Full PDB file with SEQRES, HELIX, SHEET, SSBOND, CRYST1, ORIGX, SCALE, CONECT and MASTER records, all heavy atoms in Angstrom:
SEQRES   1 A   35  ASP GLN VAL VAL LEU ARG ARG ARG ASN ALA THR SER ASP          
SEQRES   2 A   35  ILE ARG GLY ALA LEU PRO GLY GLY ALA PRO ALA LEU ILE          
SEQRES   3 A   35  ASP CYS ALA ALA LEU ASN ALA GLN ALA                          
HELIX    1 AA1 ALA A   10  ALA A   17  1                                   8    
HELIX    2 AA2 ASN A   32  GLN A   34  5                                   3    
CRYST1    1.000    1.000    1.000  90.00  90.00  90.00 P 1           1          
ORIGX1      1.000000  0.000000  0.000000        0.00000                         
ORIGX2      0.000000  1.000000  0.000000        0.00000                         
ORIGX3      0.000000  0.000000  1.000000        0.00000                         
SCALE1      1.000000  0.000000  0.000000        0.00000                         
SCALE2      0.000000  1.000000  0.000000        0.00000                         
SCALE3      0.000000  0.000000  1.000000        0.00000                         
ATOM      1  N   ASP A   1       0.828  -1.201   0.000  1.00  0.00           N  
ATOM      2  CA  ASP A   1       0.000   0.000   0.000  1.00  0.00           C  
ATOM      3  C   ASP A   1       0.867   1.257   0.000  1.00  0.00           C  
ATOM      4  O   ASP A   1       0.474   2.293  -0.525  1.00  0.00           O  
ATOM      5  CB  ASP A   1      -0.900   0.031   1.244  1.00  0.00           C  
ATOM      6  CG  ASP A   1      -1.781  -1.194   1.329  1.00  0.00           C  
ATOM      7  OD1 ASP A   1      -2.470  -1.488   0.348  1.00  0.00           O  
ATOM      8  OD2 ASP A   1      -1.766  -1.862   2.379  1.00  0.00           O  
ATOM      9  N   GLN A   2       2.025   1.152   0.632  1.00  0.00           N  
ATOM     10  CA  GLN A   2       2.947   2.274   0.739  1.00  0.00           C  
ATOM     11  C   GLN A   2       4.352   1.751   0.497  1.00  0.00           C  
ATOM     12  O   GLN A   2       4.701   0.653   0.932  1.00  0.00           O  
ATOM     13  CB  GLN A   2       2.857   2.892   2.137  1.00  0.00           C  
ATOM     14  CG  GLN A   2       3.772   4.061   2.363  1.00  0.00           C  
ATOM     15  CD  GLN A   2       3.655   4.628   3.781  1.00  0.00           C  
ATOM     16  OE1 GLN A   2       2.860   4.178   4.586  1.00  0.00           O  
ATOM     17  NE2 GLN A   2       4.467   5.610   4.085  1.00  0.00           N  
ATOM     18  N   VAL A   3       5.158   2.532  -0.203  1.00  0.00           N  
ATOM     19  CA  VAL A   3       6.541   2.147  -0.462  1.00  0.00           C  
ATOM     20  C   VAL A   3       7.466   3.212   0.120  1.00  0.00           C  
ATOM     21  O   VAL A   3       7.317   4.394  -0.159  1.00  0.00           O  
ATOM     22  CB  VAL A   3       6.819   1.998  -1.975  1.00  0.00           C  
ATOM     23  CG1 VAL A   3       8.282   1.663  -2.221  1.00  0.00           C  
ATOM     24  CG2 VAL A   3       5.913   0.943  -2.589  1.00  0.00           C  
ATOM     25  N   VAL A   4       8.383   2.775   0.967  1.00  0.00           N  
ATOM     26  CA  VAL A   4       9.441   3.639   1.471  1.00  0.00           C  
ATOM     27  C   VAL A   4      10.651   3.370   0.584  1.00  0.00           C  
ATOM     28  O   VAL A   4      11.108   2.227   0.477  1.00  0.00           O  
ATOM     29  CB  VAL A   4       9.774   3.326   2.952  1.00  0.00           C  
ATOM     30  CG1 VAL A   4      11.001   4.107   3.400  1.00  0.00           C  
ATOM     31  CG2 VAL A   4       8.583   3.633   3.840  1.00  0.00           C  
ATOM     32  N   LEU A   5      11.119   4.419  -0.072  1.00  0.00           N  
ATOM     33  CA  LEU A   5      12.246   4.242  -0.983  1.00  0.00           C  
ATOM     34  C   LEU A   5      13.557   4.122  -0.219  1.00  0.00           C  
ATOM     35  O   LEU A   5      13.794   4.832   0.755  1.00  0.00           O  
ATOM     36  CB  LEU A   5      12.322   5.411  -1.970  1.00  0.00           C  
ATOM     37  CG  LEU A   5      11.150   5.501  -2.941  1.00  0.00           C  
ATOM     38  CD1 LEU A   5      11.317   6.724  -3.843  1.00  0.00           C  
ATOM     39  CD2 LEU A   5      11.023   4.240  -3.774  1.00  0.00           C  
ATOM     40  N   ARG A   6      14.383   3.206  -0.683  1.00  0.00           N  
ATOM     41  CA  ARG A   6      15.697   2.989  -0.093  1.00  0.00           C  
ATOM     42  C   ARG A   6      16.583   4.174  -0.458  1.00  0.00           C  
ATOM     43  O   ARG A   6      16.845   4.432  -1.635  1.00  0.00           O  
ATOM     44  CB  ARG A   6      16.275   1.680  -0.631  1.00  0.00           C  
ATOM     45  CG  ARG A   6      17.450   1.196   0.142  1.00  0.00           C  
ATOM     46  CD  ARG A   6      17.853  -0.222  -0.229  1.00  0.00           C  
ATOM     47  NE  ARG A   6      18.102  -0.375  -1.640  1.00  0.00           N  
ATOM     48  CZ  ARG A   6      17.599  -1.365  -2.378  1.00  0.00           C  
ATOM     49  NH1 ARG A   6      16.825  -2.287  -1.845  1.00  0.00           N  
ATOM     50  NH2 ARG A   6      17.873  -1.446  -3.661  1.00  0.00           N  
ATOM     51  N   ARG A   7      16.991   4.924   0.565  1.00  0.00           N  
ATOM     52  CA  ARG A   7      17.816   6.123   0.358  1.00  0.00           C  
ATOM     53  C   ARG A   7      19.134   6.009   1.111  1.00  0.00           C  
ATOM     54  O   ARG A   7      20.188   5.976   0.531  1.00  0.00           O  
ATOM     55  CB  ARG A   7      17.076   7.372   0.821  1.00  0.00           C  
ATOM     56  CG  ARG A   7      15.775   7.617   0.110  1.00  0.00           C  
ATOM     57  CD  ARG A   7      16.008   8.404  -1.158  1.00  0.00           C  
ATOM     58  NE  ARG A   7      14.712   8.785  -1.726  1.00  0.00           N  
ATOM     59  CZ  ARG A   7      14.407   8.646  -2.992  1.00  0.00           C  
ATOM     60  NH1 ARG A   7      15.270   8.149  -3.835  1.00  0.00           N  
ATOM     61  NH2 ARG A   7      13.218   9.002  -3.443  1.00  0.00           N  
ATOM     62  N   ARG A   8      19.048   5.995   2.466  1.00  0.00           N  
ATOM     63  CA  ARG A   8      20.267   5.971   3.297  1.00  0.00           C  
ATOM     64  C   ARG A   8      20.465   4.594   3.909  1.00  0.00           C  
ATOM     65  O   ARG A   8      21.394   3.881   3.577  1.00  0.00           O  
ATOM     66  CB  ARG A   8      20.180   7.041   4.380  1.00  0.00           C  
ATOM     67  CG  ARG A   8      20.188   8.462   3.832  1.00  0.00           C  
ATOM     68  CD  ARG A   8      20.114   9.490   4.943  1.00  0.00           C  
ATOM     69  NE  ARG A   8      18.974   9.269   5.810  1.00  0.00           N  
ATOM     70  CZ  ARG A   8      17.811   9.898   5.729  1.00  0.00           C  
ATOM     71  NH1 ARG A   8      17.627  10.810   4.810  1.00  0.00           N  
ATOM     72  NH2 ARG A   8      16.832   9.636   6.558  1.00  0.00           N  
ATOM     73  N   ASN A   9      19.598   4.240   4.862  1.00  0.00           N  
ATOM     74  CA  ASN A   9      19.666   2.922   5.487  1.00  0.00           C  
ATOM     75  C   ASN A   9      18.274   2.563   5.980  1.00  0.00           C  
ATOM     76  O   ASN A   9      17.403   3.425   6.114  1.00  0.00           O  
ATOM     77  CB  ASN A   9      20.706   2.878   6.611  1.00  0.00           C  
ATOM     78  CG  ASN A   9      20.383   3.821   7.743  1.00  0.00           C  
ATOM     79  OD1 ASN A   9      19.364   3.679   8.403  1.00  0.00           O  
ATOM     80  ND2 ASN A   9      21.263   4.788   7.983  1.00  0.00           N  
ATOM     81  N   ALA A  10      18.045   1.297   6.259  1.00  0.00           N  
ATOM     82  CA  ALA A  10      16.714   0.810   6.627  1.00  0.00           C  
ATOM     83  C   ALA A  10      16.156   1.531   7.846  1.00  0.00           C  
ATOM     84  O   ALA A  10      14.985   1.923   7.862  1.00  0.00           O  
ATOM     85  CB  ALA A  10      16.745  -0.700   6.869  1.00  0.00           C  
ATOM     86  N   THR A  11      16.972   1.751   8.853  1.00  0.00           N  
ATOM     87  CA  THR A  11      16.482   2.378  10.075  1.00  0.00           C  
ATOM     88  C   THR A  11      15.958   3.781   9.806  1.00  0.00           C  
ATOM     89  O   THR A  11      14.808   4.100  10.114  1.00  0.00           O  
ATOM     90  CB  THR A  11      17.575   2.415  11.155  1.00  0.00           C  
ATOM     91  OG1 THR A  11      17.936   1.074  11.491  1.00  0.00           O  
ATOM     92  CG2 THR A  11      17.095   3.139  12.399  1.00  0.00           C  
ATOM     93  N   SER A  12      16.779   4.646   9.248  1.00  0.00           N  
ATOM     94  CA  SER A  12      16.339   6.031   9.041  1.00  0.00           C  
ATOM     95  C   SER A  12      15.252   6.127   7.986  1.00  0.00           C  
ATOM     96  O   SER A  12      14.316   6.921   8.131  1.00  0.00           O  
ATOM     97  CB  SER A  12      17.519   6.941   8.705  1.00  0.00           C  
ATOM     98  OG  SER A  12      18.143   6.539   7.510  1.00  0.00           O  
ATOM     99  N   ASP A  13      15.332   5.333   6.941  1.00  0.00           N  
ATOM    100  CA  ASP A  13      14.315   5.393   5.885  1.00  0.00           C  
ATOM    101  C   ASP A  13      12.949   4.942   6.399  1.00  0.00           C  
ATOM    102  O   ASP A  13      11.943   5.623   6.207  1.00  0.00           O  
ATOM    103  CB  ASP A  13      14.725   4.530   4.685  1.00  0.00           C  
ATOM    104  CG  ASP A  13      15.955   5.056   3.962  1.00  0.00           C  
ATOM    105  OD1 ASP A  13      16.324   6.244   4.163  1.00  0.00           O  
ATOM    106  OD2 ASP A  13      16.559   4.278   3.202  1.00  0.00           O  
ATOM    107  N   ILE A  14      12.897   3.805   7.076  1.00  0.00           N  
ATOM    108  CA  ILE A  14      11.617   3.278   7.566  1.00  0.00           C  
ATOM    109  C   ILE A  14      11.080   4.126   8.712  1.00  0.00           C  
ATOM    110  O   ILE A  14       9.890   4.437   8.771  1.00  0.00           O  
ATOM    111  CB  ILE A  14      11.740   1.792   7.946  1.00  0.00           C  
ATOM    112  CG1 ILE A  14      11.969   0.967   6.670  1.00  0.00           C  
ATOM    113  CG2 ILE A  14      10.495   1.305   8.703  1.00  0.00           C  
ATOM    114  CD1 ILE A  14      12.318  -0.478   6.890  1.00  0.00           C  
ATOM    115  N   ARG A  15      11.951   4.546   9.616  1.00  0.00           N  
ATOM    116  CA  ARG A  15      11.481   5.375  10.735  1.00  0.00           C  
ATOM    117  C   ARG A  15      11.052   6.761  10.269  1.00  0.00           C  
ATOM    118  O   ARG A  15      10.320   7.452  10.963  1.00  0.00           O  
ATOM    119  CB  ARG A  15      12.509   5.443  11.841  1.00  0.00           C  
ATOM    120  CG  ARG A  15      12.532   4.122  12.623  1.00  0.00           C  
ATOM    121  CD  ARG A  15      13.180   4.275  13.963  1.00  0.00           C  
ATOM    122  NE  ARG A  15      13.139   3.026  14.699  1.00  0.00           N  
ATOM    123  CZ  ARG A  15      12.440   2.856  15.800  1.00  0.00           C  
ATOM    124  NH1 ARG A  15      11.713   3.838  16.281  1.00  0.00           N  
ATOM    125  NH2 ARG A  15      12.462   1.699  16.426  1.00  0.00           N  
ATOM    126  N   GLY A  16      11.454   7.167   9.083  1.00  0.00           N  
ATOM    127  CA  GLY A  16      10.938   8.405   8.505  1.00  0.00           C  
ATOM    128  C   GLY A  16       9.449   8.290   8.220  1.00  0.00           C  
ATOM    129  O   GLY A  16       8.692   9.252   8.346  1.00  0.00           O  
ATOM    130  N   ALA A  17       9.004   7.094   7.856  1.00  0.00           N  
ATOM    131  CA  ALA A  17       7.587   6.845   7.581  1.00  0.00           C  
ATOM    132  C   ALA A  17       6.848   6.358   8.814  1.00  0.00           C  
ATOM    133  O   ALA A  17       5.664   6.637   9.000  1.00  0.00           O  
ATOM    134  CB  ALA A  17       7.451   5.809   6.464  1.00  0.00           C  
ATOM    135  N   LEU A  18       7.537   5.604   9.669  1.00  0.00           N  
ATOM    136  CA  LEU A  18       6.961   5.050  10.902  1.00  0.00           C  
ATOM    137  C   LEU A  18       7.872   5.436  12.064  1.00  0.00           C  
ATOM    138  O   LEU A  18       8.750   4.658  12.448  1.00  0.00           O  
ATOM    139  CB  LEU A  18       6.873   3.518  10.812  1.00  0.00           C  
ATOM    140  CG  LEU A  18       6.007   2.912   9.728  1.00  0.00           C  
ATOM    141  CD1 LEU A  18       6.221   1.408   9.645  1.00  0.00           C  
ATOM    142  CD2 LEU A  18       4.550   3.228  10.001  1.00  0.00           C  
ATOM    143  N   PRO A  19       7.685   6.625  12.643  1.00  0.00           N  
ATOM    144  CA  PRO A  19       8.605   7.095  13.688  1.00  0.00           C  
ATOM    145  C   PRO A  19       8.789   6.131  14.861  1.00  0.00           C  
ATOM    146  O   PRO A  19       9.876   6.055  15.424  1.00  0.00           O  
ATOM    147  CB  PRO A  19       7.978   8.417  14.145  1.00  0.00           C  
ATOM    148  CG  PRO A  19       7.194   8.879  12.963  1.00  0.00           C  
ATOM    149  CD  PRO A  19       6.676   7.626  12.310  1.00  0.00           C  
ATOM    150  N   GLY A  20       7.770   5.371  15.199  1.00  0.00           N  
ATOM    151  CA  GLY A  20       7.885   4.408  16.296  1.00  0.00           C  
ATOM    152  C   GLY A  20       8.479   3.088  15.870  1.00  0.00           C  
ATOM    153  O   GLY A  20       8.670   2.189  16.675  1.00  0.00           O  
ATOM    154  N   GLY A  21       8.783   2.953  14.601  1.00  0.00           N  
ATOM    155  CA  GLY A  21       9.298   1.693  14.055  1.00  0.00           C  
ATOM    156  C   GLY A  21       8.179   0.797  13.581  1.00  0.00           C  
ATOM    157  O   GLY A  21       7.018   0.984  13.930  1.00  0.00           O  
ATOM    158  N   ALA A  22       8.526  -0.181  12.792  1.00  0.00           N  
ATOM    159  CA  ALA A  22       7.554  -1.149  12.278  1.00  0.00           C  
ATOM    160  C   ALA A  22       7.235  -2.170  13.366  1.00  0.00           C  
ATOM    161  O   ALA A  22       8.150  -2.704  13.990  1.00  0.00           O  
ATOM    162  CB  ALA A  22       8.126  -1.866  11.059  1.00  0.00           C  
ATOM    163  N   PRO A  23       5.958  -2.437  13.628  1.00  0.00           N  
ATOM    164  CA  PRO A  23       5.630  -3.437  14.640  1.00  0.00           C  
ATOM    165  C   PRO A  23       6.131  -4.825  14.254  1.00  0.00           C  
ATOM    166  O   PRO A  23       6.473  -5.631  15.107  1.00  0.00           O  
ATOM    167  CB  PRO A  23       4.109  -3.389  14.733  1.00  0.00           C  
ATOM    168  CG  PRO A  23       3.638  -2.631  13.546  1.00  0.00           C  
ATOM    169  CD  PRO A  23       4.791  -1.827  13.025  1.00  0.00           C  
ATOM    170  N   ALA A  24       6.191  -5.079  12.959  1.00  0.00           N  
ATOM    171  CA  ALA A  24       6.738  -6.343  12.450  1.00  0.00           C  
ATOM    172  C   ALA A  24       7.404  -6.042  11.119  1.00  0.00           C  
ATOM    173  O   ALA A  24       6.909  -5.241  10.339  1.00  0.00           O  
ATOM    174  CB  ALA A  24       5.642  -7.380  12.279  1.00  0.00           C  
ATOM    175  N   LEU A  25       8.513  -6.688  10.872  1.00  0.00           N  
ATOM    176  CA  LEU A  25       9.251  -6.461   9.640  1.00  0.00           C  
ATOM    177  C   LEU A  25       9.659  -7.811   9.075  1.00  0.00           C  
ATOM    178  O   LEU A  25      10.199  -8.648   9.789  1.00  0.00           O  
ATOM    179  CB  LEU A  25      10.495  -5.608   9.934  1.00  0.00           C  
ATOM    180  CG  LEU A  25      11.263  -5.097   8.731  1.00  0.00           C  
ATOM    181  CD1 LEU A  25      11.806  -3.709   9.020  1.00  0.00           C  
ATOM    182  CD2 LEU A  25      12.377  -6.028   8.339  1.00  0.00           C  
ATOM    183  N   ILE A  26       9.374  -8.017   7.805  1.00  0.00           N  
ATOM    184  CA  ILE A  26       9.797  -9.236   7.112  1.00  0.00           C  
ATOM    185  C   ILE A  26      11.015  -8.870   6.282  1.00  0.00           C  
ATOM    186  O   ILE A  26      10.935  -8.057   5.365  1.00  0.00           O  
ATOM    187  CB  ILE A  26       8.669  -9.800   6.222  1.00  0.00           C  
ATOM    188  CG1 ILE A  26       7.450 -10.136   7.081  1.00  0.00           C  
ATOM    189  CG2 ILE A  26       9.166 -11.025   5.457  1.00  0.00           C  
ATOM    190  CD1 ILE A  26       6.225 -10.520   6.275  1.00  0.00           C  
ATOM    191  N   ASP A  27      12.139  -9.454   6.618  1.00  0.00           N  
ATOM    192  CA  ASP A  27      13.419  -9.144   5.986  1.00  0.00           C  
ATOM    193  C   ASP A  27      13.717 -10.169   4.902  1.00  0.00           C  
ATOM    194  O   ASP A  27      14.209 -11.259   5.184  1.00  0.00           O  
ATOM    195  CB  ASP A  27      14.517  -9.125   7.053  1.00  0.00           C  
ATOM    196  CG  ASP A  27      15.906  -8.868   6.488  1.00  0.00           C  
ATOM    197  OD1 ASP A  27      16.017  -8.475   5.307  1.00  0.00           O  
ATOM    198  OD2 ASP A  27      16.876  -9.055   7.240  1.00  0.00           O  
ATOM    199  N   CYS A  28      13.446  -9.803   3.667  1.00  0.00           N  
ATOM    200  CA  CYS A  28      13.739 -10.685   2.525  1.00  0.00           C  
ATOM    201  C   CYS A  28      15.070 -10.321   1.874  1.00  0.00           C  
ATOM    202  O   CYS A  28      15.498 -10.987   0.947  1.00  0.00           O  
ATOM    203  CB  CYS A  28      12.624 -10.580   1.488  1.00  0.00           C  
ATOM    204  SG  CYS A  28      11.023 -11.116   2.095  1.00  0.00           S  
ATOM    205  N   ALA A  29      15.692  -9.257   2.348  1.00  0.00           N  
ATOM    206  CA  ALA A  29      16.924  -8.761   1.733  1.00  0.00           C  
ATOM    207  C   ALA A  29      18.169  -9.087   2.541  1.00  0.00           C  
ATOM    208  O   ALA A  29      19.243  -8.572   2.248  1.00  0.00           O  
ATOM    209  CB  ALA A  29      16.820  -7.254   1.543  1.00  0.00           C  
ATOM    210  N   ALA A  30      18.036  -9.920   3.562  1.00  0.00           N  
ATOM    211  CA  ALA A  30      19.161 -10.297   4.421  1.00  0.00           C  
ATOM    212  C   ALA A  30      19.830  -9.089   5.064  1.00  0.00           C  
ATOM    213  O   ALA A  30      21.048  -9.005   5.158  1.00  0.00           O  
ATOM    214  CB  ALA A  30      20.171 -11.145   3.654  1.00  0.00           C  
ATOM    215  N   LEU A  31      19.006  -8.140   5.523  1.00  0.00           N  
ATOM    216  CA  LEU A  31      19.542  -6.998   6.267  1.00  0.00           C  
ATOM    217  C   LEU A  31      20.007  -7.430   7.650  1.00  0.00           C  
ATOM    218  O   LEU A  31      20.910  -6.838   8.218  1.00  0.00           O  
ATOM    219  CB  LEU A  31      18.487  -5.898   6.392  1.00  0.00           C  
ATOM    220  CG  LEU A  31      18.043  -5.245   5.084  1.00  0.00           C  
ATOM    221  CD1 LEU A  31      16.876  -4.311   5.330  1.00  0.00           C  
ATOM    222  CD2 LEU A  31      19.205  -4.518   4.434  1.00  0.00           C  
ATOM    223  N   ASN A  32      19.338  -8.453   8.204  1.00  0.00           N  
ATOM    224  CA  ASN A  32      19.687  -9.018   9.503  1.00  0.00           C  
ATOM    225  C   ASN A  32      19.762  -7.937  10.582  1.00  0.00           C  
ATOM    226  O   ASN A  32      18.799  -7.214  10.781  1.00  0.00           O  
ATOM    227  CB  ASN A  32      20.966  -9.847   9.409  1.00  0.00           C  
ATOM    228  CG  ASN A  32      20.853 -10.956   8.389  1.00  0.00           C  
ATOM    229  OD1 ASN A  32      19.791 -11.520   8.187  1.00  0.00           O  
ATOM    230  ND2 ASN A  32      21.943 -11.270   7.730  1.00  0.00           N  
ATOM    231  N   ALA A  33      20.889  -7.799  11.265  1.00  0.00           N  
ATOM    232  CA  ALA A  33      21.010  -6.850  12.374  1.00  0.00           C  
ATOM    233  C   ALA A  33      20.745  -5.417  11.930  1.00  0.00           C  
ATOM    234  O   ALA A  33      20.261  -4.598  12.714  1.00  0.00           O  
ATOM    235  CB  ALA A  33      22.390  -6.961  13.009  1.00  0.00           C  
ATOM    236  N   GLN A  34      21.014  -5.095  10.670  1.00  0.00           N  
ATOM    237  CA  GLN A  34      20.770  -3.751  10.165  1.00  0.00           C  
ATOM    238  C   GLN A  34      19.276  -3.409  10.153  1.00  0.00           C  
ATOM    239  O   GLN A  34      18.913  -2.237  10.144  1.00  0.00           O  
ATOM    240  CB  GLN A  34      21.329  -3.599   8.760  1.00  0.00           C  
ATOM    241  CG  GLN A  34      22.832  -3.734   8.690  1.00  0.00           C  
ATOM    242  CD  GLN A  34      23.316  -3.792   7.252  1.00  0.00           C  
ATOM    243  OE1 GLN A  34      22.635  -3.365   6.329  1.00  0.00           O  
ATOM    244  NE2 GLN A  34      24.505  -4.324   7.063  1.00  0.00           N  
ATOM    245  N   ALA A  35      18.398  -4.425  10.169  1.00  0.00           N  
ATOM    246  CA  ALA A  35      16.958  -4.190  10.158  1.00  0.00           C  
ATOM    247  C   ALA A  35      16.403  -3.932  11.554  1.00  0.00           C  
ATOM    248  O   ALA A  35      15.305  -3.388  11.690  1.00  0.00           O  
ATOM    249  CB  ALA A  35      16.241  -5.386   9.531  1.00  0.00           C  
TER     250      ALA A  35                                                      
MASTER        0    0    0    2    0    0    0    6  249    1    0    3          
END                                                                             
C-alpha cells in the first residue's frame, strides 16, 4: 500500500515513515542486524 524508498539505510528510511518503528518487519533482503 505504501513504499518507502531505499535512500540511506533501513532504520532512518523506515522510521521516517513510521517514527515508532515497524511493529513487524519481514526481511527478505538479508539486512539481519541492520533491520
